[in-house]
């Protein structure tokens, strides 16, 4: 992995249509900065071990994909619990959708979002 720099503020959106967690540079921005397809999410967890130096460790959580781990910070502990639950459910729901459709990918495809 690369060397940890500093926290950059981003506006995340749970996008059911794209089946992805997408993000923008801020709340008012319309140009997509990046995203994570639900199928790429391996784990969503609270950063109890404080693996990164967060300005507010109590509300820091992680979204782990096969390519990288996103360290996210919510405005409150309650918001963090909601985000963790929603992202986990979205990723799990995607897998259930595949199973119900009898479509099981042989390998995970590596979708990229244009910056």
PDB file of N, CA and C in Angstrom:
ATOM      1  N   UNK A   1       0.819  -1.201   0.000  1.00  0.00           N
ATOM      2  CA  UNK A   1       0.000   0.000   0.000  1.00  0.00           C
ATOM      3  C   UNK A   1       0.848   1.244   0.000  1.00  0.00           C
ATOM      4  N   UNK A   2       0.210   2.338  -0.276  1.00  0.00           N
ATOM      5  CA  UNK A   2       0.889   3.621  -0.293  1.00  0.00           C
ATOM      6  C   UNK A   2       1.005   4.219   1.087  1.00  0.00           C
ATOM      7  N   UNK A   3       1.777   5.257   1.197  1.00  0.00           N
ATOM      8  CA  UNK A   3       1.959   5.940   2.474  1.00  0.00           C
ATOM      9  C   UNK A   3       0.735   6.798   2.769  1.00  0.00           C
ATOM     10  N   UNK A   4       0.286   6.779   4.019  1.00  0.00           N
ATOM     11  CA  UNK A   4      -0.880   7.542   4.455  1.00  0.00           C
ATOM     12  C   UNK A   4      -0.548   9.030   4.445  1.00  0.00           C
ATOM     13  N   UNK A   5      -1.378   9.810   3.815  1.00  0.00           N
ATOM     14  CA  UNK A   5      -1.144  11.246   3.749  1.00  0.00           C
ATOM     15  C   UNK A   5      -1.998  11.958   4.779  1.00  0.00           C
ATOM     16  N   UNK A   6      -3.122  12.497   4.356  1.00  0.00           N
ATOM     17  CA  UNK A   6      -3.997  13.193   5.295  1.00  0.00           C
ATOM     18  C   UNK A   6      -5.444  12.946   4.894  1.00  0.00           C
ATOM     19  N   UNK A   7      -6.348  13.299   5.773  1.00  0.00           N
ATOM     20  CA  UNK A   7      -7.768  13.110   5.505  1.00  0.00           C
ATOM     21  C   UNK A   7      -8.236  14.099   4.453  1.00  0.00           C
ATOM     22  N   UNK A   8      -8.990  13.608   3.492  1.00  0.00           N
ATOM     23  CA  UNK A   8      -9.601  14.470   2.481  1.00  0.00           C
ATOM     24  C   UNK A   8     -11.101  14.338   2.631  1.00  0.00           C
ATOM     25  N   UNK A   9     -11.765  15.460   2.716  1.00  0.00           N
ATOM     26  CA  UNK A   9     -13.210  15.431   2.864  1.00  0.00           C
ATOM     27  C   UNK A   9     -13.860  15.040   1.538  1.00  0.00           C
ATOM     28  N   UNK A  10     -14.793  14.078   1.612  1.00  0.00           N
ATOM     29  CA  UNK A  10     -15.532  13.609   0.448  1.00  0.00           C
ATOM     30  C   UNK A  10     -16.996  13.444   0.831  1.00  0.00           C
ATOM     31  N   UNK A  11     -17.880  13.553  -0.147  1.00  0.00           N
ATOM     32  CA  UNK A  11     -19.317  13.375   0.066  1.00  0.00           C
ATOM     33  C   UNK A  11     -19.694  12.030  -0.543  1.00  0.00           C
ATOM     34  N   UNK A  12     -20.076  11.067   0.313  1.00  0.00           N
ATOM     35  CA  UNK A  12     -20.424   9.722  -0.148  1.00  0.00           C
ATOM     36  C   UNK A  12     -21.921   9.574  -0.337  1.00  0.00           C
ATOM     37  N   UNK A  13     -22.297   8.809  -1.357  1.00  0.00           N
ATOM     38  CA  UNK A  13     -23.701   8.547  -1.672  1.00  0.00           C
ATOM     39  C   UNK A  13     -23.857   7.042  -1.896  1.00  0.00           C
ATOM     40  N   UNK A  14     -24.861   6.469  -1.240  1.00  0.00           N
ATOM     41  CA  UNK A  14     -25.199   5.061  -1.444  1.00  0.00           C
ATOM     42  C   UNK A  14     -26.135   5.015  -2.648  1.00  0.00           C
ATOM     43  N   UNK A  15     -25.630   4.560  -3.788  1.00  0.00           N
ATOM     44  CA  UNK A  15     -26.385   4.612  -5.040  1.00  0.00           C
ATOM     45  C   UNK A  15     -26.919   3.226  -5.415  1.00  0.00           C
ATOM     46  N   UNK A  16     -28.203   3.007  -5.140  1.00  0.00           N
ATOM     47  CA  UNK A  16     -28.825   1.704  -5.441  1.00  0.00           C
ATOM     48  C   UNK A  16     -28.897   1.440  -6.945  1.00  0.00           C
ATOM     49  N   UNK A  17     -29.114   2.485  -7.728  1.00  0.00           N
ATOM     50  CA  UNK A  17     -29.228   2.329  -9.181  1.00  0.00           C
ATOM     51  C   UNK A  17     -27.926   1.795  -9.776  1.00  0.00           C
ATOM     52  N   UNK A  18     -26.822   2.385  -9.366  1.00  0.00           N
ATOM     53  CA  UNK A  18     -25.512   1.941  -9.869  1.00  0.00           C
ATOM     54  C   UNK A  18     -24.985   0.739  -9.097  1.00  0.00           C
ATOM     55  N   UNK A  19     -25.664   0.404  -8.019  1.00  0.00           N
ATOM     56  CA  UNK A  19     -25.201  -0.641  -7.104  1.00  0.00           C
ATOM     57  C   UNK A  19     -23.762  -0.362  -6.684  1.00  0.00           C
ATOM     58  N   UNK A  20     -23.575   0.875  -6.171  1.00  0.00           N
ATOM     59  CA  UNK A  20     -22.231   1.300  -5.795  1.00  0.00           C
ATOM     60  C   UNK A  20     -22.279   2.368  -4.708  1.00  0.00           C
ATOM     61  N   UNK A  21     -21.187   2.457  -3.995  1.00  0.00           N
ATOM     62  CA  UNK A  21     -20.960   3.546  -3.061  1.00  0.00           C
ATOM     63  C   UNK A  21     -20.116   4.545  -3.842  1.00  0.00           C
ATOM     64  N   UNK A  22     -20.681   5.708  -4.142  1.00  0.00           N
ATOM     65  CA  UNK A  22     -19.974   6.689  -4.971  1.00  0.00           C
ATOM     66  C   UNK A  22     -19.617   7.907  -4.129  1.00  0.00           C
ATOM     67  N   UNK A  23     -18.650   8.686  -4.607  1.00  0.00           N
ATOM     68  CA  UNK A  23     -18.288   9.879  -3.841  1.00  0.00           C
ATOM     69  C   UNK A  23     -17.904  11.057  -4.735  1.00  0.00           C
ATOM     70  N   UNK A  24     -18.089  12.228  -4.137  1.00  0.00           N
ATOM     71  CA  UNK A  24     -17.833  13.516  -4.779  1.00  0.00           C
ATOM     72  C   UNK A  24     -16.907  14.321  -3.877  1.00  0.00           C
ATOM     73  N   UNK A  25     -16.308  15.388  -4.415  1.00  0.00           N
ATOM     74  CA  UNK A  25     -15.412  16.201  -3.595  1.00  0.00           C
ATOM     75  C   UNK A  25     -16.160  16.942  -2.486  1.00  0.00           C
ATOM     76  N   UNK A  26     -17.434  17.280  -2.724  1.00  0.00           N
ATOM     77  CA  UNK A  26     -18.260  17.867  -1.665  1.00  0.00           C
ATOM     78  C   UNK A  26     -19.741  17.685  -1.986  1.00  0.00           C
ATOM     79  N   UNK A  27     -20.578  18.140  -1.077  1.00  0.00           N
ATOM     80  CA  UNK A  27     -22.029  17.937  -1.172  1.00  0.00           C
ATOM     81  C   UNK A  27     -22.657  18.578  -2.409  1.00  0.00           C
ATOM     82  N   UNK A  28     -22.076  19.682  -2.869  1.00  0.00           N
ATOM     83  CA  UNK A  28     -22.661  20.425  -3.988  1.00  0.00           C
ATOM     84  C   UNK A  28     -22.113  19.991  -5.350  1.00  0.00           C
ATOM     85  N   UNK A  29     -21.033  19.226  -5.344  1.00  0.00           N
ATOM     86  CA  UNK A  29     -20.374  18.809  -6.585  1.00  0.00           C
ATOM     87  C   UNK A  29     -21.237  17.803  -7.356  1.00  0.00           C
ATOM     88  N   UNK A  30     -21.250  17.931  -8.678  1.00  0.00           N
ATOM     89  CA  UNK A  30     -22.006  16.991  -9.514  1.00  0.00           C
ATOM     90  C   UNK A  30     -21.081  16.032 -10.268  1.00  0.00           C
ATOM     91  N   UNK A  31     -19.789  16.371 -10.334  1.00  0.00           N
ATOM     92  CA  UNK A  31     -18.831  15.510 -11.029  1.00  0.00           C
ATOM     93  C   UNK A  31     -18.353  14.405 -10.083  1.00  0.00           C
ATOM     94  N   UNK A  32     -18.585  13.172 -10.499  1.00  0.00           N
ATOM     95  CA  UNK A  32     -18.210  12.003  -9.716  1.00  0.00           C
ATOM     96  C   UNK A  32     -16.700  11.938  -9.531  1.00  0.00           C
ATOM     97  N   UNK A  33     -16.270  11.744  -8.297  1.00  0.00           N
ATOM     98  CA  UNK A  33     -14.844  11.644  -7.991  1.00  0.00           C
ATOM     99  C   UNK A  33     -14.374  10.180  -8.033  1.00  0.00           C
ATOM    100  N   UNK A  34     -15.262   9.267  -7.638  1.00  0.00           N
ATOM    101  CA  UNK A  34     -14.906   7.848  -7.633  1.00  0.00           C
ATOM    102  C   UNK A  34     -16.036   7.014  -7.077  1.00  0.00           C
ATOM    103  N   UNK A  35     -15.783   5.731  -6.945  1.00  0.00           N
ATOM    104  CA  UNK A  35     -16.812   4.862  -6.406  1.00  0.00           C
ATOM    105  C   UNK A  35     -16.345   3.443  -6.201  1.00  0.00           C
ATOM    106  N   UNK A  36     -17.171   2.702  -5.473  1.00  0.00           N
ATOM    107  CA  UNK A  36     -16.896   1.308  -5.173  1.00  0.00           C
ATOM    108  C   UNK A  36     -18.144   0.490  -5.504  1.00  0.00           C
ATOM    109  N   UNK A  37     -18.076  -0.397  -6.498  1.00  0.00           N
ATOM    110  CA  UNK A  37     -19.234  -1.252  -6.782  1.00  0.00           C
ATOM    111  C   UNK A  37     -19.508  -2.161  -5.587  1.00  0.00           C
ATOM    112  N   UNK A  38     -20.774  -2.408  -5.295  1.00  0.00           N
ATOM    113  CA  UNK A  38     -21.120  -3.284  -4.177  1.00  0.00           C
ATOM    114  C   UNK A  38     -20.379  -4.612  -4.268  1.00  0.00           C
ATOM    115  N   UNK A  39     -20.231  -5.144  -5.489  1.00  0.00           N
ATOM    116  CA  UNK A  39     -19.593  -6.450  -5.649  1.00  0.00           C
ATOM    117  C   UNK A  39     -18.120  -6.441  -5.247  1.00  0.00           C
ATOM    118  N   UNK A  40     -17.508  -5.266  -5.177  1.00  0.00           N
ATOM    119  CA  UNK A  40     -16.095  -5.180  -4.803  1.00  0.00           C
ATOM    120  C   UNK A  40     -15.896  -5.106  -3.290  1.00  0.00           C
ATOM    121  N   UNK A  41     -16.967  -4.868  -2.544  1.00  0.00           N
ATOM    122  CA  UNK A  41     -16.855  -4.700  -1.090  1.00  0.00           C
ATOM    123  C   UNK A  41     -16.731  -6.057  -0.420  1.00  0.00           C
ATOM    124  N   UNK A  42     -15.626  -6.231   0.308  1.00  0.00           N
ATOM    125  CA  UNK A  42     -15.377  -7.477   1.026  1.00  0.00           C
ATOM    126  C   UNK A  42     -15.797  -7.378   2.485  1.00  0.00           C
ATOM    127  N   UNK A  43     -15.537  -6.229   3.107  1.00  0.00           N
ATOM    128  CA  UNK A  43     -15.847  -6.042   4.523  1.00  0.00           C
ATOM    129  C   UNK A  43     -16.217  -4.594   4.791  1.00  0.00           C
ATOM    130  N   UNK A  44     -17.071  -4.408   5.796  1.00  0.00           N
ATOM    131  CA  UNK A  44     -17.398  -3.075   6.303  1.00  0.00           C
ATOM    132  C   UNK A  44     -17.328  -3.205   7.816  1.00  0.00           C
ATOM    133  N   UNK A  45     -16.491  -2.398   8.463  1.00  0.00           N
ATOM    134  CA  UNK A  45     -16.327  -2.562   9.907  1.00  0.00           C
ATOM    135  C   UNK A  45     -15.904  -1.261  10.577  1.00  0.00           C
ATOM    136  N   UNK A  46     -16.202  -1.189  11.870  1.00  0.00           N
ATOM    137  CA  UNK A  46     -15.791  -0.050  12.690  1.00  0.00           C
ATOM    138  C   UNK A  46     -14.306  -0.229  12.974  1.00  0.00           C
ATOM    139  N   UNK A  47     -13.545   0.848  12.897  1.00  0.00           N
ATOM    140  CA  UNK A  47     -12.093   0.786  13.086  1.00  0.00           C
ATOM    141  C   UNK A  47     -11.744   0.794  14.576  1.00  0.00           C
ATOM    142  N   UNK A  48     -12.090  -0.290  15.286  1.00  0.00           N
ATOM    143  CA  UNK A  48     -11.820  -0.381  16.724  1.00  0.00           C
ATOM    144  C   UNK A  48     -10.329  -0.369  17.042  1.00  0.00           C
ATOM    145  N   UNK A  49      -9.519  -0.847  16.119  1.00  0.00           N
ATOM    146  CA  UNK A  49      -8.075  -0.915  16.357  1.00  0.00           C
ATOM    147  C   UNK A  49      -7.375   0.407  16.059  1.00  0.00           C
ATOM    148  N   UNK A  50      -8.139   1.383  15.591  1.00  0.00           N
ATOM    149  CA  UNK A  50      -7.579   2.700  15.236  1.00  0.00           C
ATOM    150  C   UNK A  50      -6.375   2.533  14.311  1.00  0.00           C
ATOM    151  N   UNK A  51      -6.603   1.835  13.198  1.00  0.00           N
ATOM    152  CA  UNK A  51      -5.532   1.538  12.247  1.00  0.00           C
ATOM    153  C   UNK A  51      -5.016   2.785  11.529  1.00  0.00           C
ATOM    154  N   UNK A  52      -5.779   3.857  11.586  1.00  0.00           N
ATOM    155  CA  UNK A  52      -5.329   5.121  10.999  1.00  0.00           C
ATOM    156  C   UNK A  52      -5.480   6.226  12.035  1.00  0.00           C
ATOM    157  N   UNK A  53      -4.711   7.283  11.855  1.00  0.00           N
ATOM    158  CA  UNK A  53      -4.827   8.426  12.763  1.00  0.00           C
ATOM    159  C   UNK A  53      -5.993   9.284  12.315  1.00  0.00           C
ATOM    160  N   UNK A  54      -7.124   9.027  12.908  1.00  0.00           N
ATOM    161  CA  UNK A  54      -8.336   9.753  12.552  1.00  0.00           C
ATOM    162  C   UNK A  54      -8.508  10.962  13.464  1.00  0.00           C
ATOM    163  N   UNK A  55      -9.016  12.068  12.914  1.00  0.00           N
ATOM    164  CA  UNK A  55      -9.331  13.225  13.758  1.00  0.00           C
ATOM    165  C   UNK A  55     -10.411  12.878  14.792  1.00  0.00           C
ATOM    166  N   UNK A  56     -11.220  11.854  14.499  1.00  0.00           N
ATOM    167  CA  UNK A  56     -12.262  11.424  15.433  1.00  0.00           C
ATOM    168  C   UNK A  56     -12.420   9.905  15.350  1.00  0.00           C
ATOM    169  N   UNK A  57     -11.570   9.156  16.084  1.00  0.00           N
ATOM    170  CA  UNK A  57     -11.575   7.691  15.998  1.00  0.00           C
ATOM    171  C   UNK A  57     -12.914   7.041  16.354  1.00  0.00           C
ATOM    172  N   UNK A  58     -13.713   7.678  17.197  1.00  0.00           N
ATOM    173  CA  UNK A  58     -14.993   7.103  17.621  1.00  0.00           C
ATOM    174  C   UNK A  58     -15.979   6.934  16.467  1.00  0.00           C
ATOM    175  N   UNK A  59     -15.801   7.689  15.399  1.00  0.00           N
ATOM    176  CA  UNK A  59     -16.744   7.638  14.276  1.00  0.00           C
ATOM    177  C   UNK A  59     -16.068   7.231  12.961  1.00  0.00           C
ATOM    178  N   UNK A  60     -14.942   6.531  13.079  1.00  0.00           N
ATOM    179  CA  UNK A  60     -14.199   6.093  11.900  1.00  0.00           C
ATOM    180  C   UNK A  60     -14.538   4.637  11.585  1.00  0.00           C
ATOM    181  N   UNK A  61     -14.808   4.370  10.314  1.00  0.00           N
ATOM    182  CA  UNK A  61     -15.091   3.000   9.900  1.00  0.00           C
ATOM    183  C   UNK A  61     -14.412   2.722   8.567  1.00  0.00           C
ATOM    184  N   UNK A  62     -14.356   1.455   8.199  1.00  0.00           N
ATOM    185  CA  UNK A  62     -13.611   1.037   7.015  1.00  0.00           C
ATOM    186  C   UNK A  62     -14.493   0.282   6.031  1.00  0.00           C
ATOM    187  N   UNK A  63     -14.240   0.523   4.758  1.00  0.00           N
ATOM    188  CA  UNK A  63     -14.876  -0.233   3.680  1.00  0.00           C
ATOM    189  C   UNK A  63     -13.718  -0.874   2.920  1.00  0.00           C
ATOM    190  N   UNK A  64     -13.599  -2.197   3.053  1.00  0.00           N
ATOM    191  CA  UNK A  64     -12.482  -2.921   2.451  1.00  0.00           C
ATOM    192  C   UNK A  64     -12.923  -3.548   1.131  1.00  0.00           C
ATOM    193  N   UNK A  65     -12.131  -3.286   0.086  1.00  0.00           N
ATOM    194  CA  UNK A  65     -12.345  -3.917  -1.215  1.00  0.00           C
ATOM    195  C   UNK A  65     -11.106  -4.752  -1.524  1.00  0.00           C
ATOM    196  N   UNK A  66     -11.127  -5.467  -2.634  1.00  0.00           N
ATOM    197  CA  UNK A  66      -9.949  -6.259  -2.987  1.00  0.00           C
ATOM    198  C   UNK A  66      -8.787  -5.387  -3.442  1.00  0.00           C
ATOM    199  N   UNK A  67      -9.039  -4.113  -3.712  1.00  0.00           N
ATOM    200  CA  UNK A  67      -7.963  -3.230  -4.169  1.00  0.00           C
ATOM    201  C   UNK A  67      -7.444  -2.287  -3.094  1.00  0.00           C
ATOM    202  N   UNK A  68      -8.333  -1.864  -2.175  1.00  0.00           N
ATOM    203  CA  UNK A  68      -7.903  -0.915  -1.147  1.00  0.00           C
ATOM    204  C   UNK A  68      -8.903  -0.873  -0.008  1.00  0.00           C
ATOM    205  N   UNK A  69      -8.513  -0.200   1.052  1.00  0.00           N
ATOM    206  CA  UNK A  69      -9.412   0.007   2.183  1.00  0.00           C
ATOM    207  C   UNK A  69      -9.692   1.497   2.291  1.00  0.00           C
ATOM    208  N   UNK A  70     -10.971   1.845   2.266  1.00  0.00           N
ATOM    209  CA  UNK A  70     -11.393   3.228   2.446  1.00  0.00           C
ATOM    210  C   UNK A  70     -11.625   3.453   3.932  1.00  0.00           C
ATOM    211  N   UNK A  71     -11.027   4.497   4.484  1.00  0.00           N
ATOM    212  CA  UNK A  71     -11.262   4.872   5.875  1.00  0.00           C
ATOM    213  C   UNK A  71     -12.198   6.071   5.854  1.00  0.00           C
ATOM    214  N   UNK A  72     -13.374   5.884   6.421  1.00  0.00           N
ATOM    215  CA  UNK A  72     -14.405   6.916   6.382  1.00  0.00           C
ATOM    216  C   UNK A  72     -14.724   7.397   7.785  1.00  0.00           C
ATOM    217  N   UNK A  73     -15.176   8.638   7.860  1.00  0.00           N
ATOM    218  CA  UNK A  73     -15.530   9.229   9.138  1.00  0.00           C
ATOM    219  C   UNK A  73     -16.933   9.803   9.032  1.00  0.00           C
ATOM    220  N   UNK A  74     -17.797   9.390   9.951  1.00  0.00           N
ATOM    221  CA  UNK A  74     -19.177   9.873   9.974  1.00  0.00           C
ATOM    222  C   UNK A  74     -19.277  11.068  10.923  1.00  0.00           C
ATOM    223  N   UNK A  75     -20.351  11.864  10.802  1.00  0.00           N
ATOM    224  CA  UNK A  75     -20.490  13.028  11.688  1.00  0.00           C
ATOM    225  C   UNK A  75     -20.798  12.646  13.142  1.00  0.00           C
ATOM    226  N   UNK A  76     -21.457  11.490  13.349  1.00  0.00           N
ATOM    227  CA  UNK A  76     -21.808  11.039  14.705  1.00  0.00           C
ATOM    228  C   UNK A  76     -21.660   9.522  14.780  1.00  0.00           C
ATOM    229  N   UNK A  77     -21.653   8.989  16.011  1.00  0.00           N
ATOM    230  CA  UNK A  77     -21.578   7.537  16.203  1.00  0.00           C
ATOM    231  C   UNK A  77     -22.816   6.859  15.618  1.00  0.00           C
ATOM    232  N   UNK A  78     -23.972   7.478  15.782  1.00  0.00           N
ATOM    233  CA  UNK A  78     -25.209   6.910  15.242  1.00  0.00           C
ATOM    234  C   UNK A  78     -25.162   6.868  13.709  1.00  0.00           C
ATOM    235  N   UNK A  79     -24.700   7.953  13.098  1.00  0.00           N
ATOM    236  CA  UNK A  79     -24.579   8.002  11.635  1.00  0.00           C
ATOM    237  C   UNK A  79     -23.606   6.928  11.154  1.00  0.00           C
ATOM    238  N   UNK A  80     -22.524   6.724  11.910  1.00  0.00           N
ATOM    239  CA  UNK A  80     -21.548   5.700  11.540  1.00  0.00           C
ATOM    240  C   UNK A  80     -22.197   4.315  11.552  1.00  0.00           C
ATOM    241  N   UNK A  81     -22.952   4.005  12.601  1.00  0.00           N
ATOM    242  CA  UNK A  81     -23.616   2.698  12.687  1.00  0.00           C
ATOM    243  C   UNK A  81     -24.581   2.503  11.516  1.00  0.00           C
ATOM    244  N   UNK A  82     -25.288   3.558  11.157  1.00  0.00           N
ATOM    245  CA  UNK A  82     -26.229   3.483  10.025  1.00  0.00           C
ATOM    246  C   UNK A  82     -25.477   3.228   8.722  1.00  0.00           C
ATOM    247  N   UNK A  83     -24.402   3.989   8.479  1.00  0.00           N
ATOM    248  CA  UNK A  83     -23.610   3.812   7.257  1.00  0.00           C
ATOM    249  C   UNK A  83     -23.054   2.390   7.167  1.00  0.00           C
ATOM    250  N   UNK A  84     -22.470   1.898   8.265  1.00  0.00           N
ATOM    251  CA  UNK A  84     -21.895   0.549   8.265  1.00  0.00           C
ATOM    252  C   UNK A  84     -22.973  -0.470   7.917  1.00  0.00           C
ATOM    253  N   UNK A  85     -24.139  -0.340   8.544  1.00  0.00           N
ATOM    254  CA  UNK A  85     -25.244  -1.269   8.307  1.00  0.00           C
ATOM    255  C   UNK A  85     -25.742  -1.194   6.861  1.00  0.00           C
ATOM    256  N   UNK A  86     -25.930   0.013   6.364  1.00  0.00           N
ATOM    257  CA  UNK A  86     -26.453   0.205   5.005  1.00  0.00           C
ATOM    258  C   UNK A  86     -25.465  -0.309   3.948  1.00  0.00           C
ATOM    259  N   UNK A  87     -24.190   0.006   4.107  1.00  0.00           N
ATOM    260  CA  UNK A  87     -23.188  -0.448   3.129  1.00  0.00           C
ATOM    261  C   UNK A  87     -23.070  -1.970   3.165  1.00  0.00           C
ATOM    262  N   UNK A  88     -23.014  -2.529   4.376  1.00  0.00           N
ATOM    263  CA  UNK A  88     -22.922  -3.984   4.514  1.00  0.00           C
ATOM    264  C   UNK A  88     -24.139  -4.660   3.890  1.00  0.00           C
ATOM    265  N   UNK A  89     -25.318  -4.138   4.177  1.00  0.00           N
ATOM    266  CA  UNK A  89     -26.560  -4.686   3.633  1.00  0.00           C
ATOM    267  C   UNK A  89     -26.594  -4.556   2.114  1.00  0.00           C
ATOM    268  N   UNK A  90     -26.122  -3.437   1.589  1.00  0.00           N
ATOM    269  CA  UNK A  90     -26.078  -3.234   0.139  1.00  0.00           C
ATOM    270  C   UNK A  90     -25.169  -4.233  -0.544  1.00  0.00           C
ATOM    271  N   UNK A  91     -23.990  -4.448   0.026  1.00  0.00           N
ATOM    272  CA  UNK A  91     -23.037  -5.395  -0.548  1.00  0.00           C
ATOM    273  C   UNK A  91     -23.584  -6.813  -0.447  1.00  0.00           C
ATOM    274  N   UNK A  92     -24.175  -7.142   0.702  1.00  0.00           N
ATOM    275  CA  UNK A  92     -24.752  -8.470   0.906  1.00  0.00           C
ATOM    276  C   UNK A  92     -25.960  -8.667  -0.016  1.00  0.00           C
ATOM    277  N   UNK A  93     -26.771  -7.630  -0.154  1.00  0.00           N
ATOM    278  CA  UNK A  93     -27.939  -7.680  -1.032  1.00  0.00           C
ATOM    279  C   UNK A  93     -27.547  -7.909  -2.471  1.00  0.00           C
ATOM    280  N   UNK A  94     -26.413  -7.344  -2.875  1.00  0.00           N
ATOM    281  CA  UNK A  94     -25.927  -7.545  -4.240  1.00  0.00           C
ATOM    282  C   UNK A  94     -25.621  -9.022  -4.471  1.00  0.00           C
ATOM    283  N   UNK A  95     -24.965  -9.648  -3.497  1.00  0.00           N
ATOM    284  CA  UNK A  95     -24.630 -11.065  -3.622  1.00  0.00           C
ATOM    285  C   UNK A  95     -25.890 -11.924  -3.648  1.00  0.00           C
ATOM    286  N   UNK A  96     -26.892 -11.570  -2.830  1.00  0.00           N
ATOM    287  CA  UNK A  96     -28.165 -12.298  -2.836  1.00  0.00           C
ATOM    288  C   UNK A  96     -28.850 -12.148  -4.194  1.00  0.00           C
ATOM    289  N   UNK A  97     -28.772 -10.953  -4.761  1.00  0.00           N
ATOM    290  CA  UNK A  97     -29.351 -10.687  -6.084  1.00  0.00           C
ATOM    291  C   UNK A  97     -28.718 -11.615  -7.122  1.00  0.00           C
ATOM    292  N   UNK A  98     -27.408 -11.758  -7.060  1.00  0.00           N
ATOM    293  CA  UNK A  98     -26.714 -12.641  -7.998  1.00  0.00           C
ATOM    294  C   UNK A  98     -27.150 -14.088  -7.807  1.00  0.00           C
ATOM    295  N   UNK A  99     -27.242 -14.510  -6.549  1.00  0.00           N
ATOM    296  CA  UNK A  99     -27.627 -15.886  -6.243  1.00  0.00           C
ATOM    297  C   UNK A  99     -29.042 -16.174  -6.726  1.00  0.00           C
ATOM    298  N   UNK A 100     -29.965 -15.249  -6.454  1.00  0.00           N
ATOM    299  CA  UNK A 100     -31.354 -15.433  -6.874  1.00  0.00           C
ATOM    300  C   UNK A 100     -31.471 -15.500  -8.392  1.00  0.00           C
ATOM    301  N   UNK A 101     -30.622 -14.798  -9.080  1.00  0.00           N
ATOM    302  CA  UNK A 101     -30.663 -14.782 -10.545  1.00  0.00           C
ATOM    303  C   UNK A 101     -29.897 -15.967 -11.142  1.00  0.00           C
ATOM    304  N   UNK A 102     -29.348 -16.817 -10.235  1.00  0.00           N
ATOM    305  CA  UNK A 102     -28.533 -17.952 -10.665  1.00  0.00           C
ATOM    306  C   UNK A 102     -27.357 -17.511 -11.531  1.00  0.00           C
ATOM    307  N   UNK A 103     -26.833 -16.364 -11.206  1.00  0.00           N
ATOM    308  CA  UNK A 103     -25.661 -15.853 -11.911  1.00  0.00           C
ATOM    309  C   UNK A 103     -24.546 -15.757 -10.883  1.00  0.00           C
ATOM    310  N   UNK A 104     -23.603 -16.641 -10.978  1.00  0.00           N
ATOM    311  CA  UNK A 104     -22.481 -16.623 -10.049  1.00  0.00           C
ATOM    312  C   UNK A 104     -21.228 -16.356 -10.868  1.00  0.00           C
ATOM    313  N   UNK A 105     -20.627 -15.177 -10.676  1.00  0.00           N
ATOM    314  CA  UNK A 105     -19.446 -14.851 -11.480  1.00  0.00           C
ATOM    315  C   UNK A 105     -18.279 -15.785 -11.159  1.00  0.00           C
ATOM    316  N   UNK A 106     -17.579 -16.230 -12.182  1.00  0.00           N
ATOM    317  CA  UNK A 106     -16.429 -17.110 -11.987  1.00  0.00           C
ATOM    318  C   UNK A 106     -15.308 -16.350 -11.294  1.00  0.00           C
ATOM    319  N   UNK A 107     -15.112 -15.118 -11.697  1.00  0.00           N
ATOM    320  CA  UNK A 107     -14.138 -14.248 -11.042  1.00  0.00           C
ATOM    321  C   UNK A 107     -14.790 -12.893 -10.873  1.00  0.00           C
ATOM    322  N   UNK A 108     -14.302 -12.166  -9.921  1.00  0.00           N
ATOM    323  CA  UNK A 108     -14.850 -10.825  -9.707  1.00  0.00           C
ATOM    324  C   UNK A 108     -14.335  -9.900 -10.794  1.00  0.00           C
ATOM    325  N   UNK A 109     -15.245  -9.175 -11.396  1.00  0.00           N
ATOM    326  CA  UNK A 109     -14.801  -8.212 -12.405  1.00  0.00           C
ATOM    327  C   UNK A 109     -14.310  -6.962 -11.698  1.00  0.00           C
ATOM    328  N   UNK A 110     -13.415  -6.273 -12.302  1.00  0.00           N
ATOM    329  CA  UNK A 110     -12.825  -5.091 -11.674  1.00  0.00           C
ATOM    330  C   UNK A 110     -13.360  -3.836 -12.347  1.00  0.00           C
ATOM    331  N   UNK A 111     -14.521  -3.416 -11.866  1.00  0.00           N
ATOM    332  CA  UNK A 111     -15.116  -2.196 -12.407  1.00  0.00           C
ATOM    333  C   UNK A 111     -14.355  -0.985 -11.890  1.00  0.00           C
ATOM    334  N   UNK A 112     -14.101  -0.065 -12.746  1.00  0.00           N
ATOM    335  CA  UNK A 112     -13.438   1.185 -12.356  1.00  0.00           C
ATOM    336  C   UNK A 112     -14.397   2.329 -12.596  1.00  0.00           C
ATOM    337  N   UNK A 113     -14.316   3.313 -11.738  1.00  0.00           N
ATOM    338  CA  UNK A 113     -15.087   4.531 -11.933  1.00  0.00           C
ATOM    339  C   UNK A 113     -14.111   5.595 -12.396  1.00  0.00           C
ATOM    340  N   UNK A 114     -14.497   6.315 -13.408  1.00  0.00           N
ATOM    341  CA  UNK A 114     -13.635   7.389 -13.918  1.00  0.00           C
ATOM    342  C   UNK A 114     -13.607   8.529 -12.917  1.00  0.00           C
ATOM    343  N   UNK A 115     -12.410   9.051 -12.680  1.00  0.00           N
ATOM    344  CA  UNK A 115     -12.269  10.217 -11.788  1.00  0.00           C
ATOM    345  C   UNK A 115     -12.652  11.473 -12.519  1.00  0.00           C
TER     346      UNK A 115
END
